[in-house]
Amino acid sequence: MMKKNIYKKIALIGTSAAGKTSCVLELGIDSQKADMDRCLGASIPQSMETMLKWILQSESNIVNVSVHIDALEKMASVKQGQIQCELSEIFFIHLAAPVNVIEERLLSQSTRSETNIKHTLAGFARTDDVCKRLADCTINTVGMGLQEVAHAVRLIAVNVRND
């Protein structure tokens, strides 16, 4: 059973093409305020501390967390060590799909370069593993439409934040 009223923020995590940005948009949230890549820059590696500060200070209660793998790994290690810190104020939802589904999604997105696709697929196992360790819950998005994923995220947010 999930606790109520203790989490300040909901953070969507997952590999590239997992549907994090699409989910934020489907929820009607301004991606200029809720998308870490747009706010902090996608190509600039972020520290765990910078990421946590951004998540907790975001104007949005639901945010899309960038795949800065080293910082995510550090978060997962800290969280597994049960150290009390800002992580305890964030509920992490892992939007998950197997690598073949991620590959199909990447290939269908005309905005992705071939280099970006290869990089994402090469790092899939590591990223997925880190997200599994960091997640408070996982939504397997296979076979789900975008509205269904957004609805599931909204229900979880209501349960853990009492929104």
N, C-alpha and C. Protein backbone atom coordinates (compact mmCIF):
# COMPACT_ATOMS: atom_id res chain seq x y z
N MET A 1 0.84 -1.18 0.00
CA MET A 1 0.00 0.00 0.00
C MET A 1 0.89 1.24 0.00
N MET A 2 0.57 2.20 -0.87
CA MET A 2 1.35 3.43 -0.96
C MET A 2 0.91 4.42 0.12
N LYS A 3 1.89 5.13 0.67
CA LYS A 3 1.59 6.15 1.67
C LYS A 3 1.04 7.40 0.98
N LYS A 4 0.17 8.11 1.68
CA LYS A 4 -0.38 9.35 1.15
C LYS A 4 0.30 10.56 1.79
N ASN A 5 0.26 11.64 1.03
CA ASN A 5 0.67 12.96 1.54
C ASN A 5 2.13 13.09 1.95
N ILE A 6 3.01 12.24 1.50
CA ILE A 6 4.40 12.42 1.89
C ILE A 6 5.27 12.85 0.71
N TYR A 7 4.82 12.60 -0.49
CA TYR A 7 5.64 12.92 -1.66
C TYR A 7 5.29 14.30 -2.19
N LYS A 8 6.32 15.09 -2.43
CA LYS A 8 6.11 16.43 -2.97
C LYS A 8 6.01 16.41 -4.50
N LYS A 9 6.73 15.48 -5.11
CA LYS A 9 6.81 15.44 -6.57
C LYS A 9 6.69 14.01 -7.09
N ILE A 10 6.19 13.91 -8.31
CA ILE A 10 6.15 12.65 -9.05
C ILE A 10 7.17 12.81 -10.18
N ALA A 11 8.11 11.88 -10.29
CA ALA A 11 9.14 11.95 -11.32
C ALA A 11 9.01 10.76 -12.25
N LEU A 12 8.81 11.04 -13.54
CA LEU A 12 8.74 9.99 -14.55
C LEU A 12 10.16 9.67 -15.01
N ILE A 13 10.50 8.39 -14.96
CA ILE A 13 11.82 7.94 -15.40
C ILE A 13 11.64 6.81 -16.40
N GLY A 14 12.68 6.57 -17.16
CA GLY A 14 12.65 5.50 -18.15
C GLY A 14 13.64 5.81 -19.25
N THR A 15 13.85 4.86 -20.13
CA THR A 15 14.76 5.06 -21.24
C THR A 15 14.19 6.11 -22.20
N SER A 16 15.02 6.59 -23.09
CA SER A 16 14.52 7.45 -24.15
C SER A 16 13.47 6.67 -24.93
N ALA A 17 12.42 7.33 -25.35
CA ALA A 17 11.30 6.75 -26.10
C ALA A 17 10.37 5.89 -25.24
N ALA A 18 10.51 6.00 -23.92
CA ALA A 18 9.61 5.28 -23.03
C ALA A 18 8.23 5.94 -22.97
N GLY A 19 8.17 7.22 -23.32
CA GLY A 19 6.90 7.94 -23.34
C GLY A 19 6.77 9.00 -22.26
N LYS A 20 7.87 9.37 -21.63
CA LYS A 20 7.82 10.34 -20.53
C LYS A 20 7.31 11.71 -21.00
N THR A 21 7.90 12.24 -22.06
CA THR A 21 7.51 13.56 -22.56
C THR A 21 6.07 13.52 -23.08
N SER A 22 5.73 12.48 -23.81
CA SER A 22 4.37 12.35 -24.34
C SER A 22 3.35 12.29 -23.21
N CYS A 23 3.70 11.60 -22.14
CA CYS A 23 2.81 11.49 -20.98
C CYS A 23 2.59 12.86 -20.33
N VAL A 24 3.66 13.60 -20.15
CA VAL A 24 3.56 14.95 -19.56
C VAL A 24 2.63 15.81 -20.41
N LEU A 25 2.82 15.76 -21.72
CA LEU A 25 1.97 16.55 -22.62
C LEU A 25 0.52 16.09 -22.57
N GLU A 26 0.30 14.78 -22.53
CA GLU A 26 -1.06 14.23 -22.46
C GLU A 26 -1.76 14.65 -21.16
N LEU A 27 -0.99 14.81 -20.11
CA LEU A 27 -1.55 15.25 -18.83
C LEU A 27 -1.86 16.76 -18.82
N GLY A 28 -1.49 17.44 -19.91
CA GLY A 28 -1.75 18.87 -20.01
C GLY A 28 -0.77 19.73 -19.24
N ILE A 29 0.40 19.17 -18.98
CA ILE A 29 1.43 19.88 -18.22
C ILE A 29 2.37 20.59 -19.20
N ASP A 30 2.74 21.80 -18.90
CA ASP A 30 3.63 22.59 -19.73
C ASP A 30 5.03 21.96 -19.71
N SER A 31 5.44 21.42 -20.85
CA SER A 31 6.74 20.74 -20.89
C SER A 31 7.90 21.71 -20.72
N GLN A 32 7.67 23.00 -20.93
CA GLN A 32 8.73 23.98 -20.68
C GLN A 32 9.06 24.07 -19.19
N LYS A 33 8.12 23.64 -18.35
CA LYS A 33 8.33 23.68 -16.91
C LYS A 33 8.57 22.29 -16.32
N ALA A 34 8.12 21.24 -17.02
CA ALA A 34 8.14 19.90 -16.44
C ALA A 34 9.10 18.93 -17.11
N ASP A 35 9.80 19.35 -18.14
CA ASP A 35 10.71 18.47 -18.87
C ASP A 35 12.15 18.87 -18.58
N MET A 36 12.87 18.00 -17.88
CA MET A 36 14.23 18.32 -17.47
C MET A 36 15.13 18.65 -18.65
N ASP A 37 15.01 17.91 -19.75
CA ASP A 37 15.84 18.19 -20.92
C ASP A 37 15.63 19.63 -21.40
N ARG A 38 14.39 20.08 -21.42
CA ARG A 38 14.10 21.44 -21.89
C ARG A 38 14.56 22.49 -20.90
N CYS A 39 14.49 22.19 -19.63
CA CYS A 39 14.86 23.17 -18.61
C CYS A 39 16.36 23.24 -18.34
N LEU A 40 17.02 22.09 -18.34
CA LEU A 40 18.44 22.05 -17.98
C LEU A 40 19.36 21.76 -19.16
N GLY A 41 18.80 21.29 -20.25
CA GLY A 41 19.61 20.93 -21.42
C GLY A 41 19.85 19.44 -21.49
N ALA A 42 19.58 18.88 -22.65
CA ALA A 42 19.68 17.42 -22.83
C ALA A 42 21.12 16.95 -22.94
N SER A 43 21.99 17.77 -23.50
CA SER A 43 23.34 17.29 -23.79
C SER A 43 24.35 17.59 -22.68
N ILE A 44 23.92 18.31 -21.65
CA ILE A 44 24.82 18.67 -20.56
C ILE A 44 24.62 17.68 -19.41
N PRO A 45 25.65 16.88 -19.08
CA PRO A 45 25.50 15.95 -17.95
C PRO A 45 25.15 16.70 -16.66
N GLN A 46 24.19 16.16 -15.93
CA GLN A 46 23.73 16.80 -14.70
C GLN A 46 24.13 15.95 -13.50
N SER A 47 24.44 16.61 -12.40
CA SER A 47 24.76 15.89 -11.16
C SER A 47 23.46 15.48 -10.48
N MET A 48 23.56 14.54 -9.57
CA MET A 48 22.40 14.13 -8.80
C MET A 48 21.83 15.33 -8.04
N GLU A 49 22.68 16.12 -7.46
CA GLU A 49 22.24 17.26 -6.67
C GLU A 49 21.47 18.27 -7.53
N THR A 50 21.98 18.55 -8.72
CA THR A 50 21.30 19.48 -9.64
C THR A 50 19.94 18.92 -10.05
N MET A 51 19.91 17.63 -10.34
CA MET A 51 18.65 17.00 -10.75
C MET A 51 17.62 17.04 -9.62
N LEU A 52 18.04 16.69 -8.41
CA LEU A 52 17.12 16.71 -7.27
C LEU A 52 16.59 18.12 -7.00
N LYS A 53 17.48 19.09 -7.06
CA LYS A 53 17.06 20.48 -6.84
C LYS A 53 16.02 20.89 -7.88
N TRP A 54 16.28 20.56 -9.13
CA TRP A 54 15.33 20.92 -10.20
C TRP A 54 13.99 20.23 -9.98
N ILE A 55 14.00 18.94 -9.69
CA ILE A 55 12.75 18.20 -9.48
C ILE A 55 11.94 18.85 -8.37
N LEU A 56 12.57 19.11 -7.24
CA LEU A 56 11.84 19.64 -6.08
C LEU A 56 11.42 21.10 -6.24
N GLN A 57 12.13 21.86 -7.08
CA GLN A 57 11.78 23.26 -7.28
C GLN A 57 10.93 23.50 -8.52
N SER A 58 10.67 22.46 -9.29
CA SER A 58 9.85 22.62 -10.49
C SER A 58 8.46 23.12 -10.12
N GLU A 59 7.89 23.92 -11.01
CA GLU A 59 6.53 24.43 -10.78
C GLU A 59 5.49 23.32 -10.96
N SER A 60 5.88 22.24 -11.60
CA SER A 60 4.97 21.14 -11.86
C SER A 60 5.11 20.05 -10.80
N ASN A 61 3.99 19.42 -10.44
CA ASN A 61 4.03 18.32 -9.48
C ASN A 61 4.46 17.01 -10.12
N ILE A 62 4.31 16.92 -11.44
CA ILE A 62 4.75 15.74 -12.20
C ILE A 62 5.81 16.21 -13.19
N VAL A 63 6.98 15.58 -13.15
CA VAL A 63 8.08 16.00 -14.02
C VAL A 63 8.65 14.82 -14.79
N ASN A 64 9.29 15.14 -15.90
CA ASN A 64 9.96 14.18 -16.75
C ASN A 64 11.46 14.30 -16.49
N VAL A 65 12.07 13.24 -15.98
CA VAL A 65 13.48 13.26 -15.62
C VAL A 65 14.33 12.77 -16.78
N SER A 66 15.38 13.52 -17.07
CA SER A 66 16.31 13.17 -18.14
C SER A 66 17.09 11.91 -17.82
N VAL A 67 17.58 11.27 -18.87
CA VAL A 67 18.39 10.06 -18.69
C VAL A 67 19.86 10.47 -18.60
N HIS A 68 20.24 11.01 -17.44
CA HIS A 68 21.64 11.27 -17.11
C HIS A 68 22.04 10.10 -16.23
N ILE A 69 22.55 9.06 -16.87
CA ILE A 69 22.67 7.75 -16.25
C ILE A 69 23.53 7.76 -14.99
N ASP A 70 24.63 8.49 -14.97
CA ASP A 70 25.49 8.49 -13.78
C ASP A 70 24.76 9.08 -12.57
N ALA A 71 24.02 10.17 -12.79
CA ALA A 71 23.26 10.78 -11.69
C ALA A 71 22.12 9.86 -11.25
N LEU A 72 21.46 9.21 -12.20
CA LEU A 72 20.38 8.28 -11.84
C LEU A 72 20.93 7.09 -11.06
N GLU A 73 22.10 6.60 -11.45
CA GLU A 73 22.73 5.50 -10.71
C GLU A 73 23.05 5.92 -9.28
N LYS A 74 23.53 7.13 -9.11
CA LYS A 74 23.84 7.62 -7.77
C LYS A 74 22.56 7.72 -6.94
N MET A 75 21.47 8.21 -7.56
CA MET A 75 20.19 8.28 -6.85
C MET A 75 19.74 6.90 -6.42
N ALA A 76 19.84 5.93 -7.32
CA ALA A 76 19.40 4.56 -7.00
C ALA A 76 20.23 3.99 -5.85
N SER A 77 21.53 4.24 -5.86
CA SER A 77 22.39 3.74 -4.78
C SER A 77 22.04 4.39 -3.45
N VAL A 78 21.82 5.69 -3.46
CA VAL A 78 21.46 6.41 -2.24
C VAL A 78 20.12 5.90 -1.73
N LYS A 79 19.17 5.75 -2.64
CA LYS A 79 17.83 5.30 -2.25
C LYS A 79 17.87 3.88 -1.66
N GLN A 80 18.63 3.00 -2.27
CA GLN A 80 18.73 1.63 -1.77
C GLN A 80 19.43 1.58 -0.42
N GLY A 81 20.28 2.57 -0.13
CA GLY A 81 20.96 2.64 1.16
C GLY A 81 20.08 3.22 2.25
N GLN A 82 18.85 3.58 1.88
CA GLN A 82 17.87 4.10 2.84
C GLN A 82 18.35 5.36 3.55
N ILE A 83 19.21 6.13 2.89
CA ILE A 83 19.69 7.38 3.47
C ILE A 83 18.58 8.42 3.31
N GLN A 84 18.25 9.10 4.39
CA GLN A 84 17.21 10.13 4.32
C GLN A 84 17.76 11.37 3.63
N CYS A 85 17.14 11.73 2.54
CA CYS A 85 17.52 12.94 1.81
C CYS A 85 16.33 13.34 0.96
N GLU A 86 16.55 14.25 0.04
CA GLU A 86 15.47 14.74 -0.81
C GLU A 86 14.78 13.63 -1.61
N LEU A 87 15.47 12.53 -1.82
CA LEU A 87 14.88 11.42 -2.58
C LEU A 87 13.59 10.93 -1.94
N SER A 88 13.50 11.04 -0.63
CA SER A 88 12.31 10.55 0.06
C SER A 88 11.09 11.42 -0.21
N GLU A 89 11.29 12.58 -0.83
CA GLU A 89 10.18 13.48 -1.15
C GLU A 89 9.69 13.30 -2.57
N ILE A 90 10.32 12.38 -3.31
CA ILE A 90 10.00 12.17 -4.73
C ILE A 90 9.54 10.75 -4.94
N PHE A 91 8.41 10.60 -5.64
CA PHE A 91 7.89 9.28 -6.00
C PHE A 91 8.26 9.05 -7.46
N PHE A 92 9.08 8.02 -7.71
CA PHE A 92 9.57 7.74 -9.05
C PHE A 92 8.70 6.70 -9.74
N ILE A 93 8.18 7.05 -10.91
CA ILE A 93 7.39 6.13 -11.73
C ILE A 93 8.22 5.77 -12.96
N HIS A 94 8.50 4.49 -13.10
CA HIS A 94 9.26 3.99 -14.24
C HIS A 94 8.30 3.62 -15.36
N LEU A 95 8.39 4.34 -16.48
CA LEU A 95 7.63 3.96 -17.67
C LEU A 95 8.51 2.98 -18.43
N ALA A 96 8.07 1.73 -18.49
CA ALA A 96 8.92 0.65 -18.99
C ALA A 96 8.35 -0.01 -20.23
N ALA A 97 9.27 -0.46 -21.07
CA ALA A 97 8.94 -1.27 -22.25
C ALA A 97 10.21 -2.02 -22.64
N PRO A 98 10.06 -3.20 -23.24
CA PRO A 98 11.25 -3.96 -23.65
C PRO A 98 11.99 -3.26 -24.80
N VAL A 99 13.23 -3.65 -24.99
CA VAL A 99 14.09 -2.99 -25.97
C VAL A 99 13.50 -3.01 -27.38
N ASN A 100 12.83 -4.08 -27.78
CA ASN A 100 12.28 -4.12 -29.14
C ASN A 100 11.17 -3.07 -29.33
N VAL A 101 10.39 -2.82 -28.30
CA VAL A 101 9.35 -1.79 -28.37
C VAL A 101 9.99 -0.41 -28.39
N ILE A 102 11.01 -0.20 -27.57
CA ILE A 102 11.73 1.08 -27.57
C ILE A 102 12.34 1.33 -28.94
N GLU A 103 12.92 0.30 -29.53
CA GLU A 103 13.52 0.45 -30.87
C GLU A 103 12.46 0.85 -31.89
N GLU A 104 11.29 0.20 -31.86
CA GLU A 104 10.20 0.57 -32.78
C GLU A 104 9.80 2.03 -32.60
N ARG A 105 9.69 2.46 -31.35
CA ARG A 105 9.31 3.85 -31.06
C ARG A 105 10.36 4.82 -31.56
N LEU A 106 11.62 4.50 -31.33
CA LEU A 106 12.71 5.37 -31.77
C LEU A 106 12.72 5.50 -33.29
N LEU A 107 12.54 4.38 -33.97
CA LEU A 107 12.56 4.40 -35.43
C LEU A 107 11.38 5.15 -36.03
N SER A 108 10.28 5.21 -35.29
CA SER A 108 9.09 5.90 -35.79
C SER A 108 9.15 7.41 -35.54
N GLN A 109 10.12 7.86 -34.76
CA GLN A 109 10.24 9.28 -34.45
C GLN A 109 11.21 9.95 -35.41
N SER A 110 10.70 10.78 -36.29
CA SER A 110 11.53 11.40 -37.30
C SER A 110 12.54 12.39 -36.72
N THR A 111 12.37 12.77 -35.47
CA THR A 111 13.29 13.74 -34.86
C THR A 111 14.56 13.09 -34.31
N ARG A 112 14.62 11.79 -34.29
CA ARG A 112 15.78 11.09 -33.73
C ARG A 112 16.81 10.80 -34.82
N SER A 113 18.06 11.12 -34.53
CA SER A 113 19.13 10.81 -35.47
C SER A 113 19.51 9.34 -35.34
N GLU A 114 20.17 8.82 -36.34
CA GLU A 114 20.62 7.42 -36.29
C GLU A 114 21.60 7.22 -35.14
N THR A 115 22.45 8.21 -34.91
CA THR A 115 23.42 8.15 -33.80
C THR A 115 22.69 8.11 -32.46
N ASN A 116 21.66 8.93 -32.31
CA ASN A 116 20.88 8.96 -31.07
C ASN A 116 20.21 7.62 -30.83
N ILE A 117 19.65 7.05 -31.87
CA ILE A 117 18.98 5.75 -31.76
C ILE A 117 19.97 4.67 -31.33
N LYS A 118 21.13 4.61 -31.98
CA LYS A 118 22.14 3.62 -31.64
C LYS A 118 22.61 3.79 -30.19
N HIS A 119 22.82 5.03 -29.78
CA HIS A 119 23.27 5.33 -28.41
C HIS A 119 22.22 4.86 -27.39
N THR A 120 20.96 5.16 -27.65
CA THR A 120 19.87 4.77 -26.74
C THR A 120 19.78 3.25 -26.63
N LEU A 121 19.84 2.57 -27.75
CA LEU A 121 19.72 1.10 -27.73
C LEU A 121 20.94 0.46 -27.07
N ALA A 122 22.11 1.03 -27.28
CA ALA A 122 23.33 0.47 -26.68
C ALA A 122 23.29 0.60 -25.15
N GLY A 123 22.66 1.66 -24.65
CA GLY A 123 22.59 1.87 -23.21
C GLY A 123 21.30 1.40 -22.57
N PHE A 124 20.45 0.72 -23.34
CA PHE A 124 19.13 0.34 -22.84
C PHE A 124 19.20 -0.48 -21.56
N ALA A 125 19.99 -1.56 -21.56
CA ALA A 125 20.02 -2.47 -20.40
C ALA A 125 20.45 -1.75 -19.14
N ARG A 126 21.48 -0.93 -19.23
CA ARG A 126 21.97 -0.19 -18.06
C ARG A 126 20.91 0.80 -17.57
N THR A 127 20.34 1.57 -18.49
CA THR A 127 19.32 2.56 -18.11
C THR A 127 18.10 1.89 -17.51
N ASP A 128 17.63 0.82 -18.13
CA ASP A 128 16.45 0.12 -17.63
C ASP A 128 16.71 -0.45 -16.23
N ASP A 129 17.90 -1.00 -16.02
CA ASP A 129 18.25 -1.55 -14.71
C ASP A 129 18.25 -0.45 -13.64
N VAL A 130 18.85 0.68 -13.95
CA VAL A 130 18.91 1.79 -12.98
C VAL A 130 17.49 2.27 -12.67
N CYS A 131 16.66 2.41 -13.69
CA CYS A 131 15.29 2.87 -13.48
C CYS A 131 14.50 1.89 -12.61
N LYS A 132 14.72 0.60 -12.81
CA LYS A 132 14.04 -0.41 -11.99
C LYS A 132 14.45 -0.27 -10.52
N ARG A 133 15.73 0.02 -10.28
CA ARG A 133 16.21 0.15 -8.90
C ARG A 133 15.73 1.45 -8.24
N LEU A 134 15.55 2.48 -9.03
CA LEU A 134 15.14 3.78 -8.50
C LEU A 134 13.63 3.88 -8.34
N ALA A 135 12.89 3.14 -9.14
CA ALA A 135 11.43 3.28 -9.20
C ALA A 135 10.72 2.87 -7.92
N ASP A 136 9.69 3.65 -7.58
CA ASP A 136 8.77 3.27 -6.52
C ASP A 136 7.65 2.42 -7.10
N CYS A 137 7.39 2.58 -8.38
CA CYS A 137 6.47 1.69 -9.09
C CYS A 137 6.80 1.75 -10.57
N THR A 138 6.33 0.74 -11.29
CA THR A 138 6.60 0.63 -12.72
C THR A 138 5.28 0.48 -13.47
N ILE A 139 5.18 1.19 -14.57
CA ILE A 139 4.06 1.02 -15.49
C ILE A 139 4.63 0.40 -16.75
N ASN A 140 4.21 -0.84 -17.04
CA ASN A 140 4.62 -1.49 -18.28
C ASN A 140 3.72 -0.93 -19.38
N THR A 141 4.30 -0.13 -20.26
CA THR A 141 3.52 0.60 -21.26
C THR A 141 3.21 -0.19 -22.52
N VAL A 142 3.67 -1.43 -22.59
CA VAL A 142 3.42 -2.25 -23.78
C VAL A 142 1.92 -2.46 -23.96
N GLY A 143 1.44 -2.16 -25.13
CA GLY A 143 0.03 -2.35 -25.44
C GLY A 143 -0.88 -1.26 -24.89
N MET A 144 -0.31 -0.28 -24.22
CA MET A 144 -1.11 0.81 -23.66
C MET A 144 -1.05 2.01 -24.59
N GLY A 145 -2.18 2.68 -24.74
CA GLY A 145 -2.20 3.93 -25.46
C GLY A 145 -1.72 5.05 -24.55
N LEU A 146 -1.42 6.17 -25.16
CA LEU A 146 -0.92 7.31 -24.40
C LEU A 146 -1.92 7.77 -23.34
N GLN A 147 -3.19 7.77 -23.67
CA GLN A 147 -4.20 8.18 -22.69
C GLN A 147 -4.23 7.23 -21.49
N GLU A 148 -4.04 5.95 -21.76
CA GLU A 148 -4.03 4.97 -20.66
C GLU A 148 -2.82 5.17 -19.75
N VAL A 149 -1.68 5.45 -20.35
CA VAL A 149 -0.47 5.68 -19.54
C VAL A 149 -0.66 6.93 -18.69
N ALA A 150 -1.14 8.00 -19.30
CA ALA A 150 -1.37 9.25 -18.57
C ALA A 150 -2.38 9.05 -17.45
N HIS A 151 -3.43 8.28 -17.72
CA HIS A 151 -4.43 8.00 -16.70
C HIS A 151 -3.81 7.23 -15.53
N ALA A 152 -2.97 6.24 -15.83
CA ALA A 152 -2.30 5.47 -14.77
C ALA A 152 -1.40 6.38 -13.93
N VAL A 153 -0.67 7.27 -14.58
CA VAL A 153 0.20 8.21 -13.85
C VAL A 153 -0.65 9.11 -12.97
N ARG A 154 -1.75 9.61 -13.51
CA ARG A 154 -2.64 10.49 -12.74
C ARG A 154 -3.19 9.77 -11.51
N LEU A 155 -3.60 8.51 -11.66
CA LEU A 155 -4.12 7.74 -10.52
C LEU A 155 -3.05 7.54 -9.44
N ILE A 156 -1.85 7.24 -9.87
CA ILE A 156 -0.76 7.07 -8.91
C ILE A 156 -0.50 8.38 -8.19
N ALA A 157 -0.48 9.48 -8.94
CA ALA A 157 -0.25 10.79 -8.32
C ALA A 157 -1.30 11.10 -7.27
N VAL A 158 -2.54 10.79 -7.56
CA VAL A 158 -3.62 11.01 -6.60
C VAL A 158 -3.39 10.19 -5.34
N ASN A 159 -2.96 8.96 -5.52
CA ASN A 159 -2.75 8.06 -4.37
C ASN A 159 -1.55 8.44 -3.51
N VAL A 160 -0.50 8.95 -4.11
CA VAL A 160 0.70 9.23 -3.32
C VAL A 160 0.82 10.68 -2.88
N ARG A 161 0.08 11.57 -3.53
CA ARG A 161 0.13 12.99 -3.16
C ARG A 161 -1.20 13.48 -2.60
N ASN A 162 -2.23 12.72 -2.85
CA ASN A 162 -3.59 13.13 -2.49
C ASN A 162 -4.01 14.38 -3.25
N ASP A 163 -3.59 14.45 -4.53
CA ASP A 163 -3.97 15.59 -5.40
C ASP A 163 -5.43 15.53 -5.78
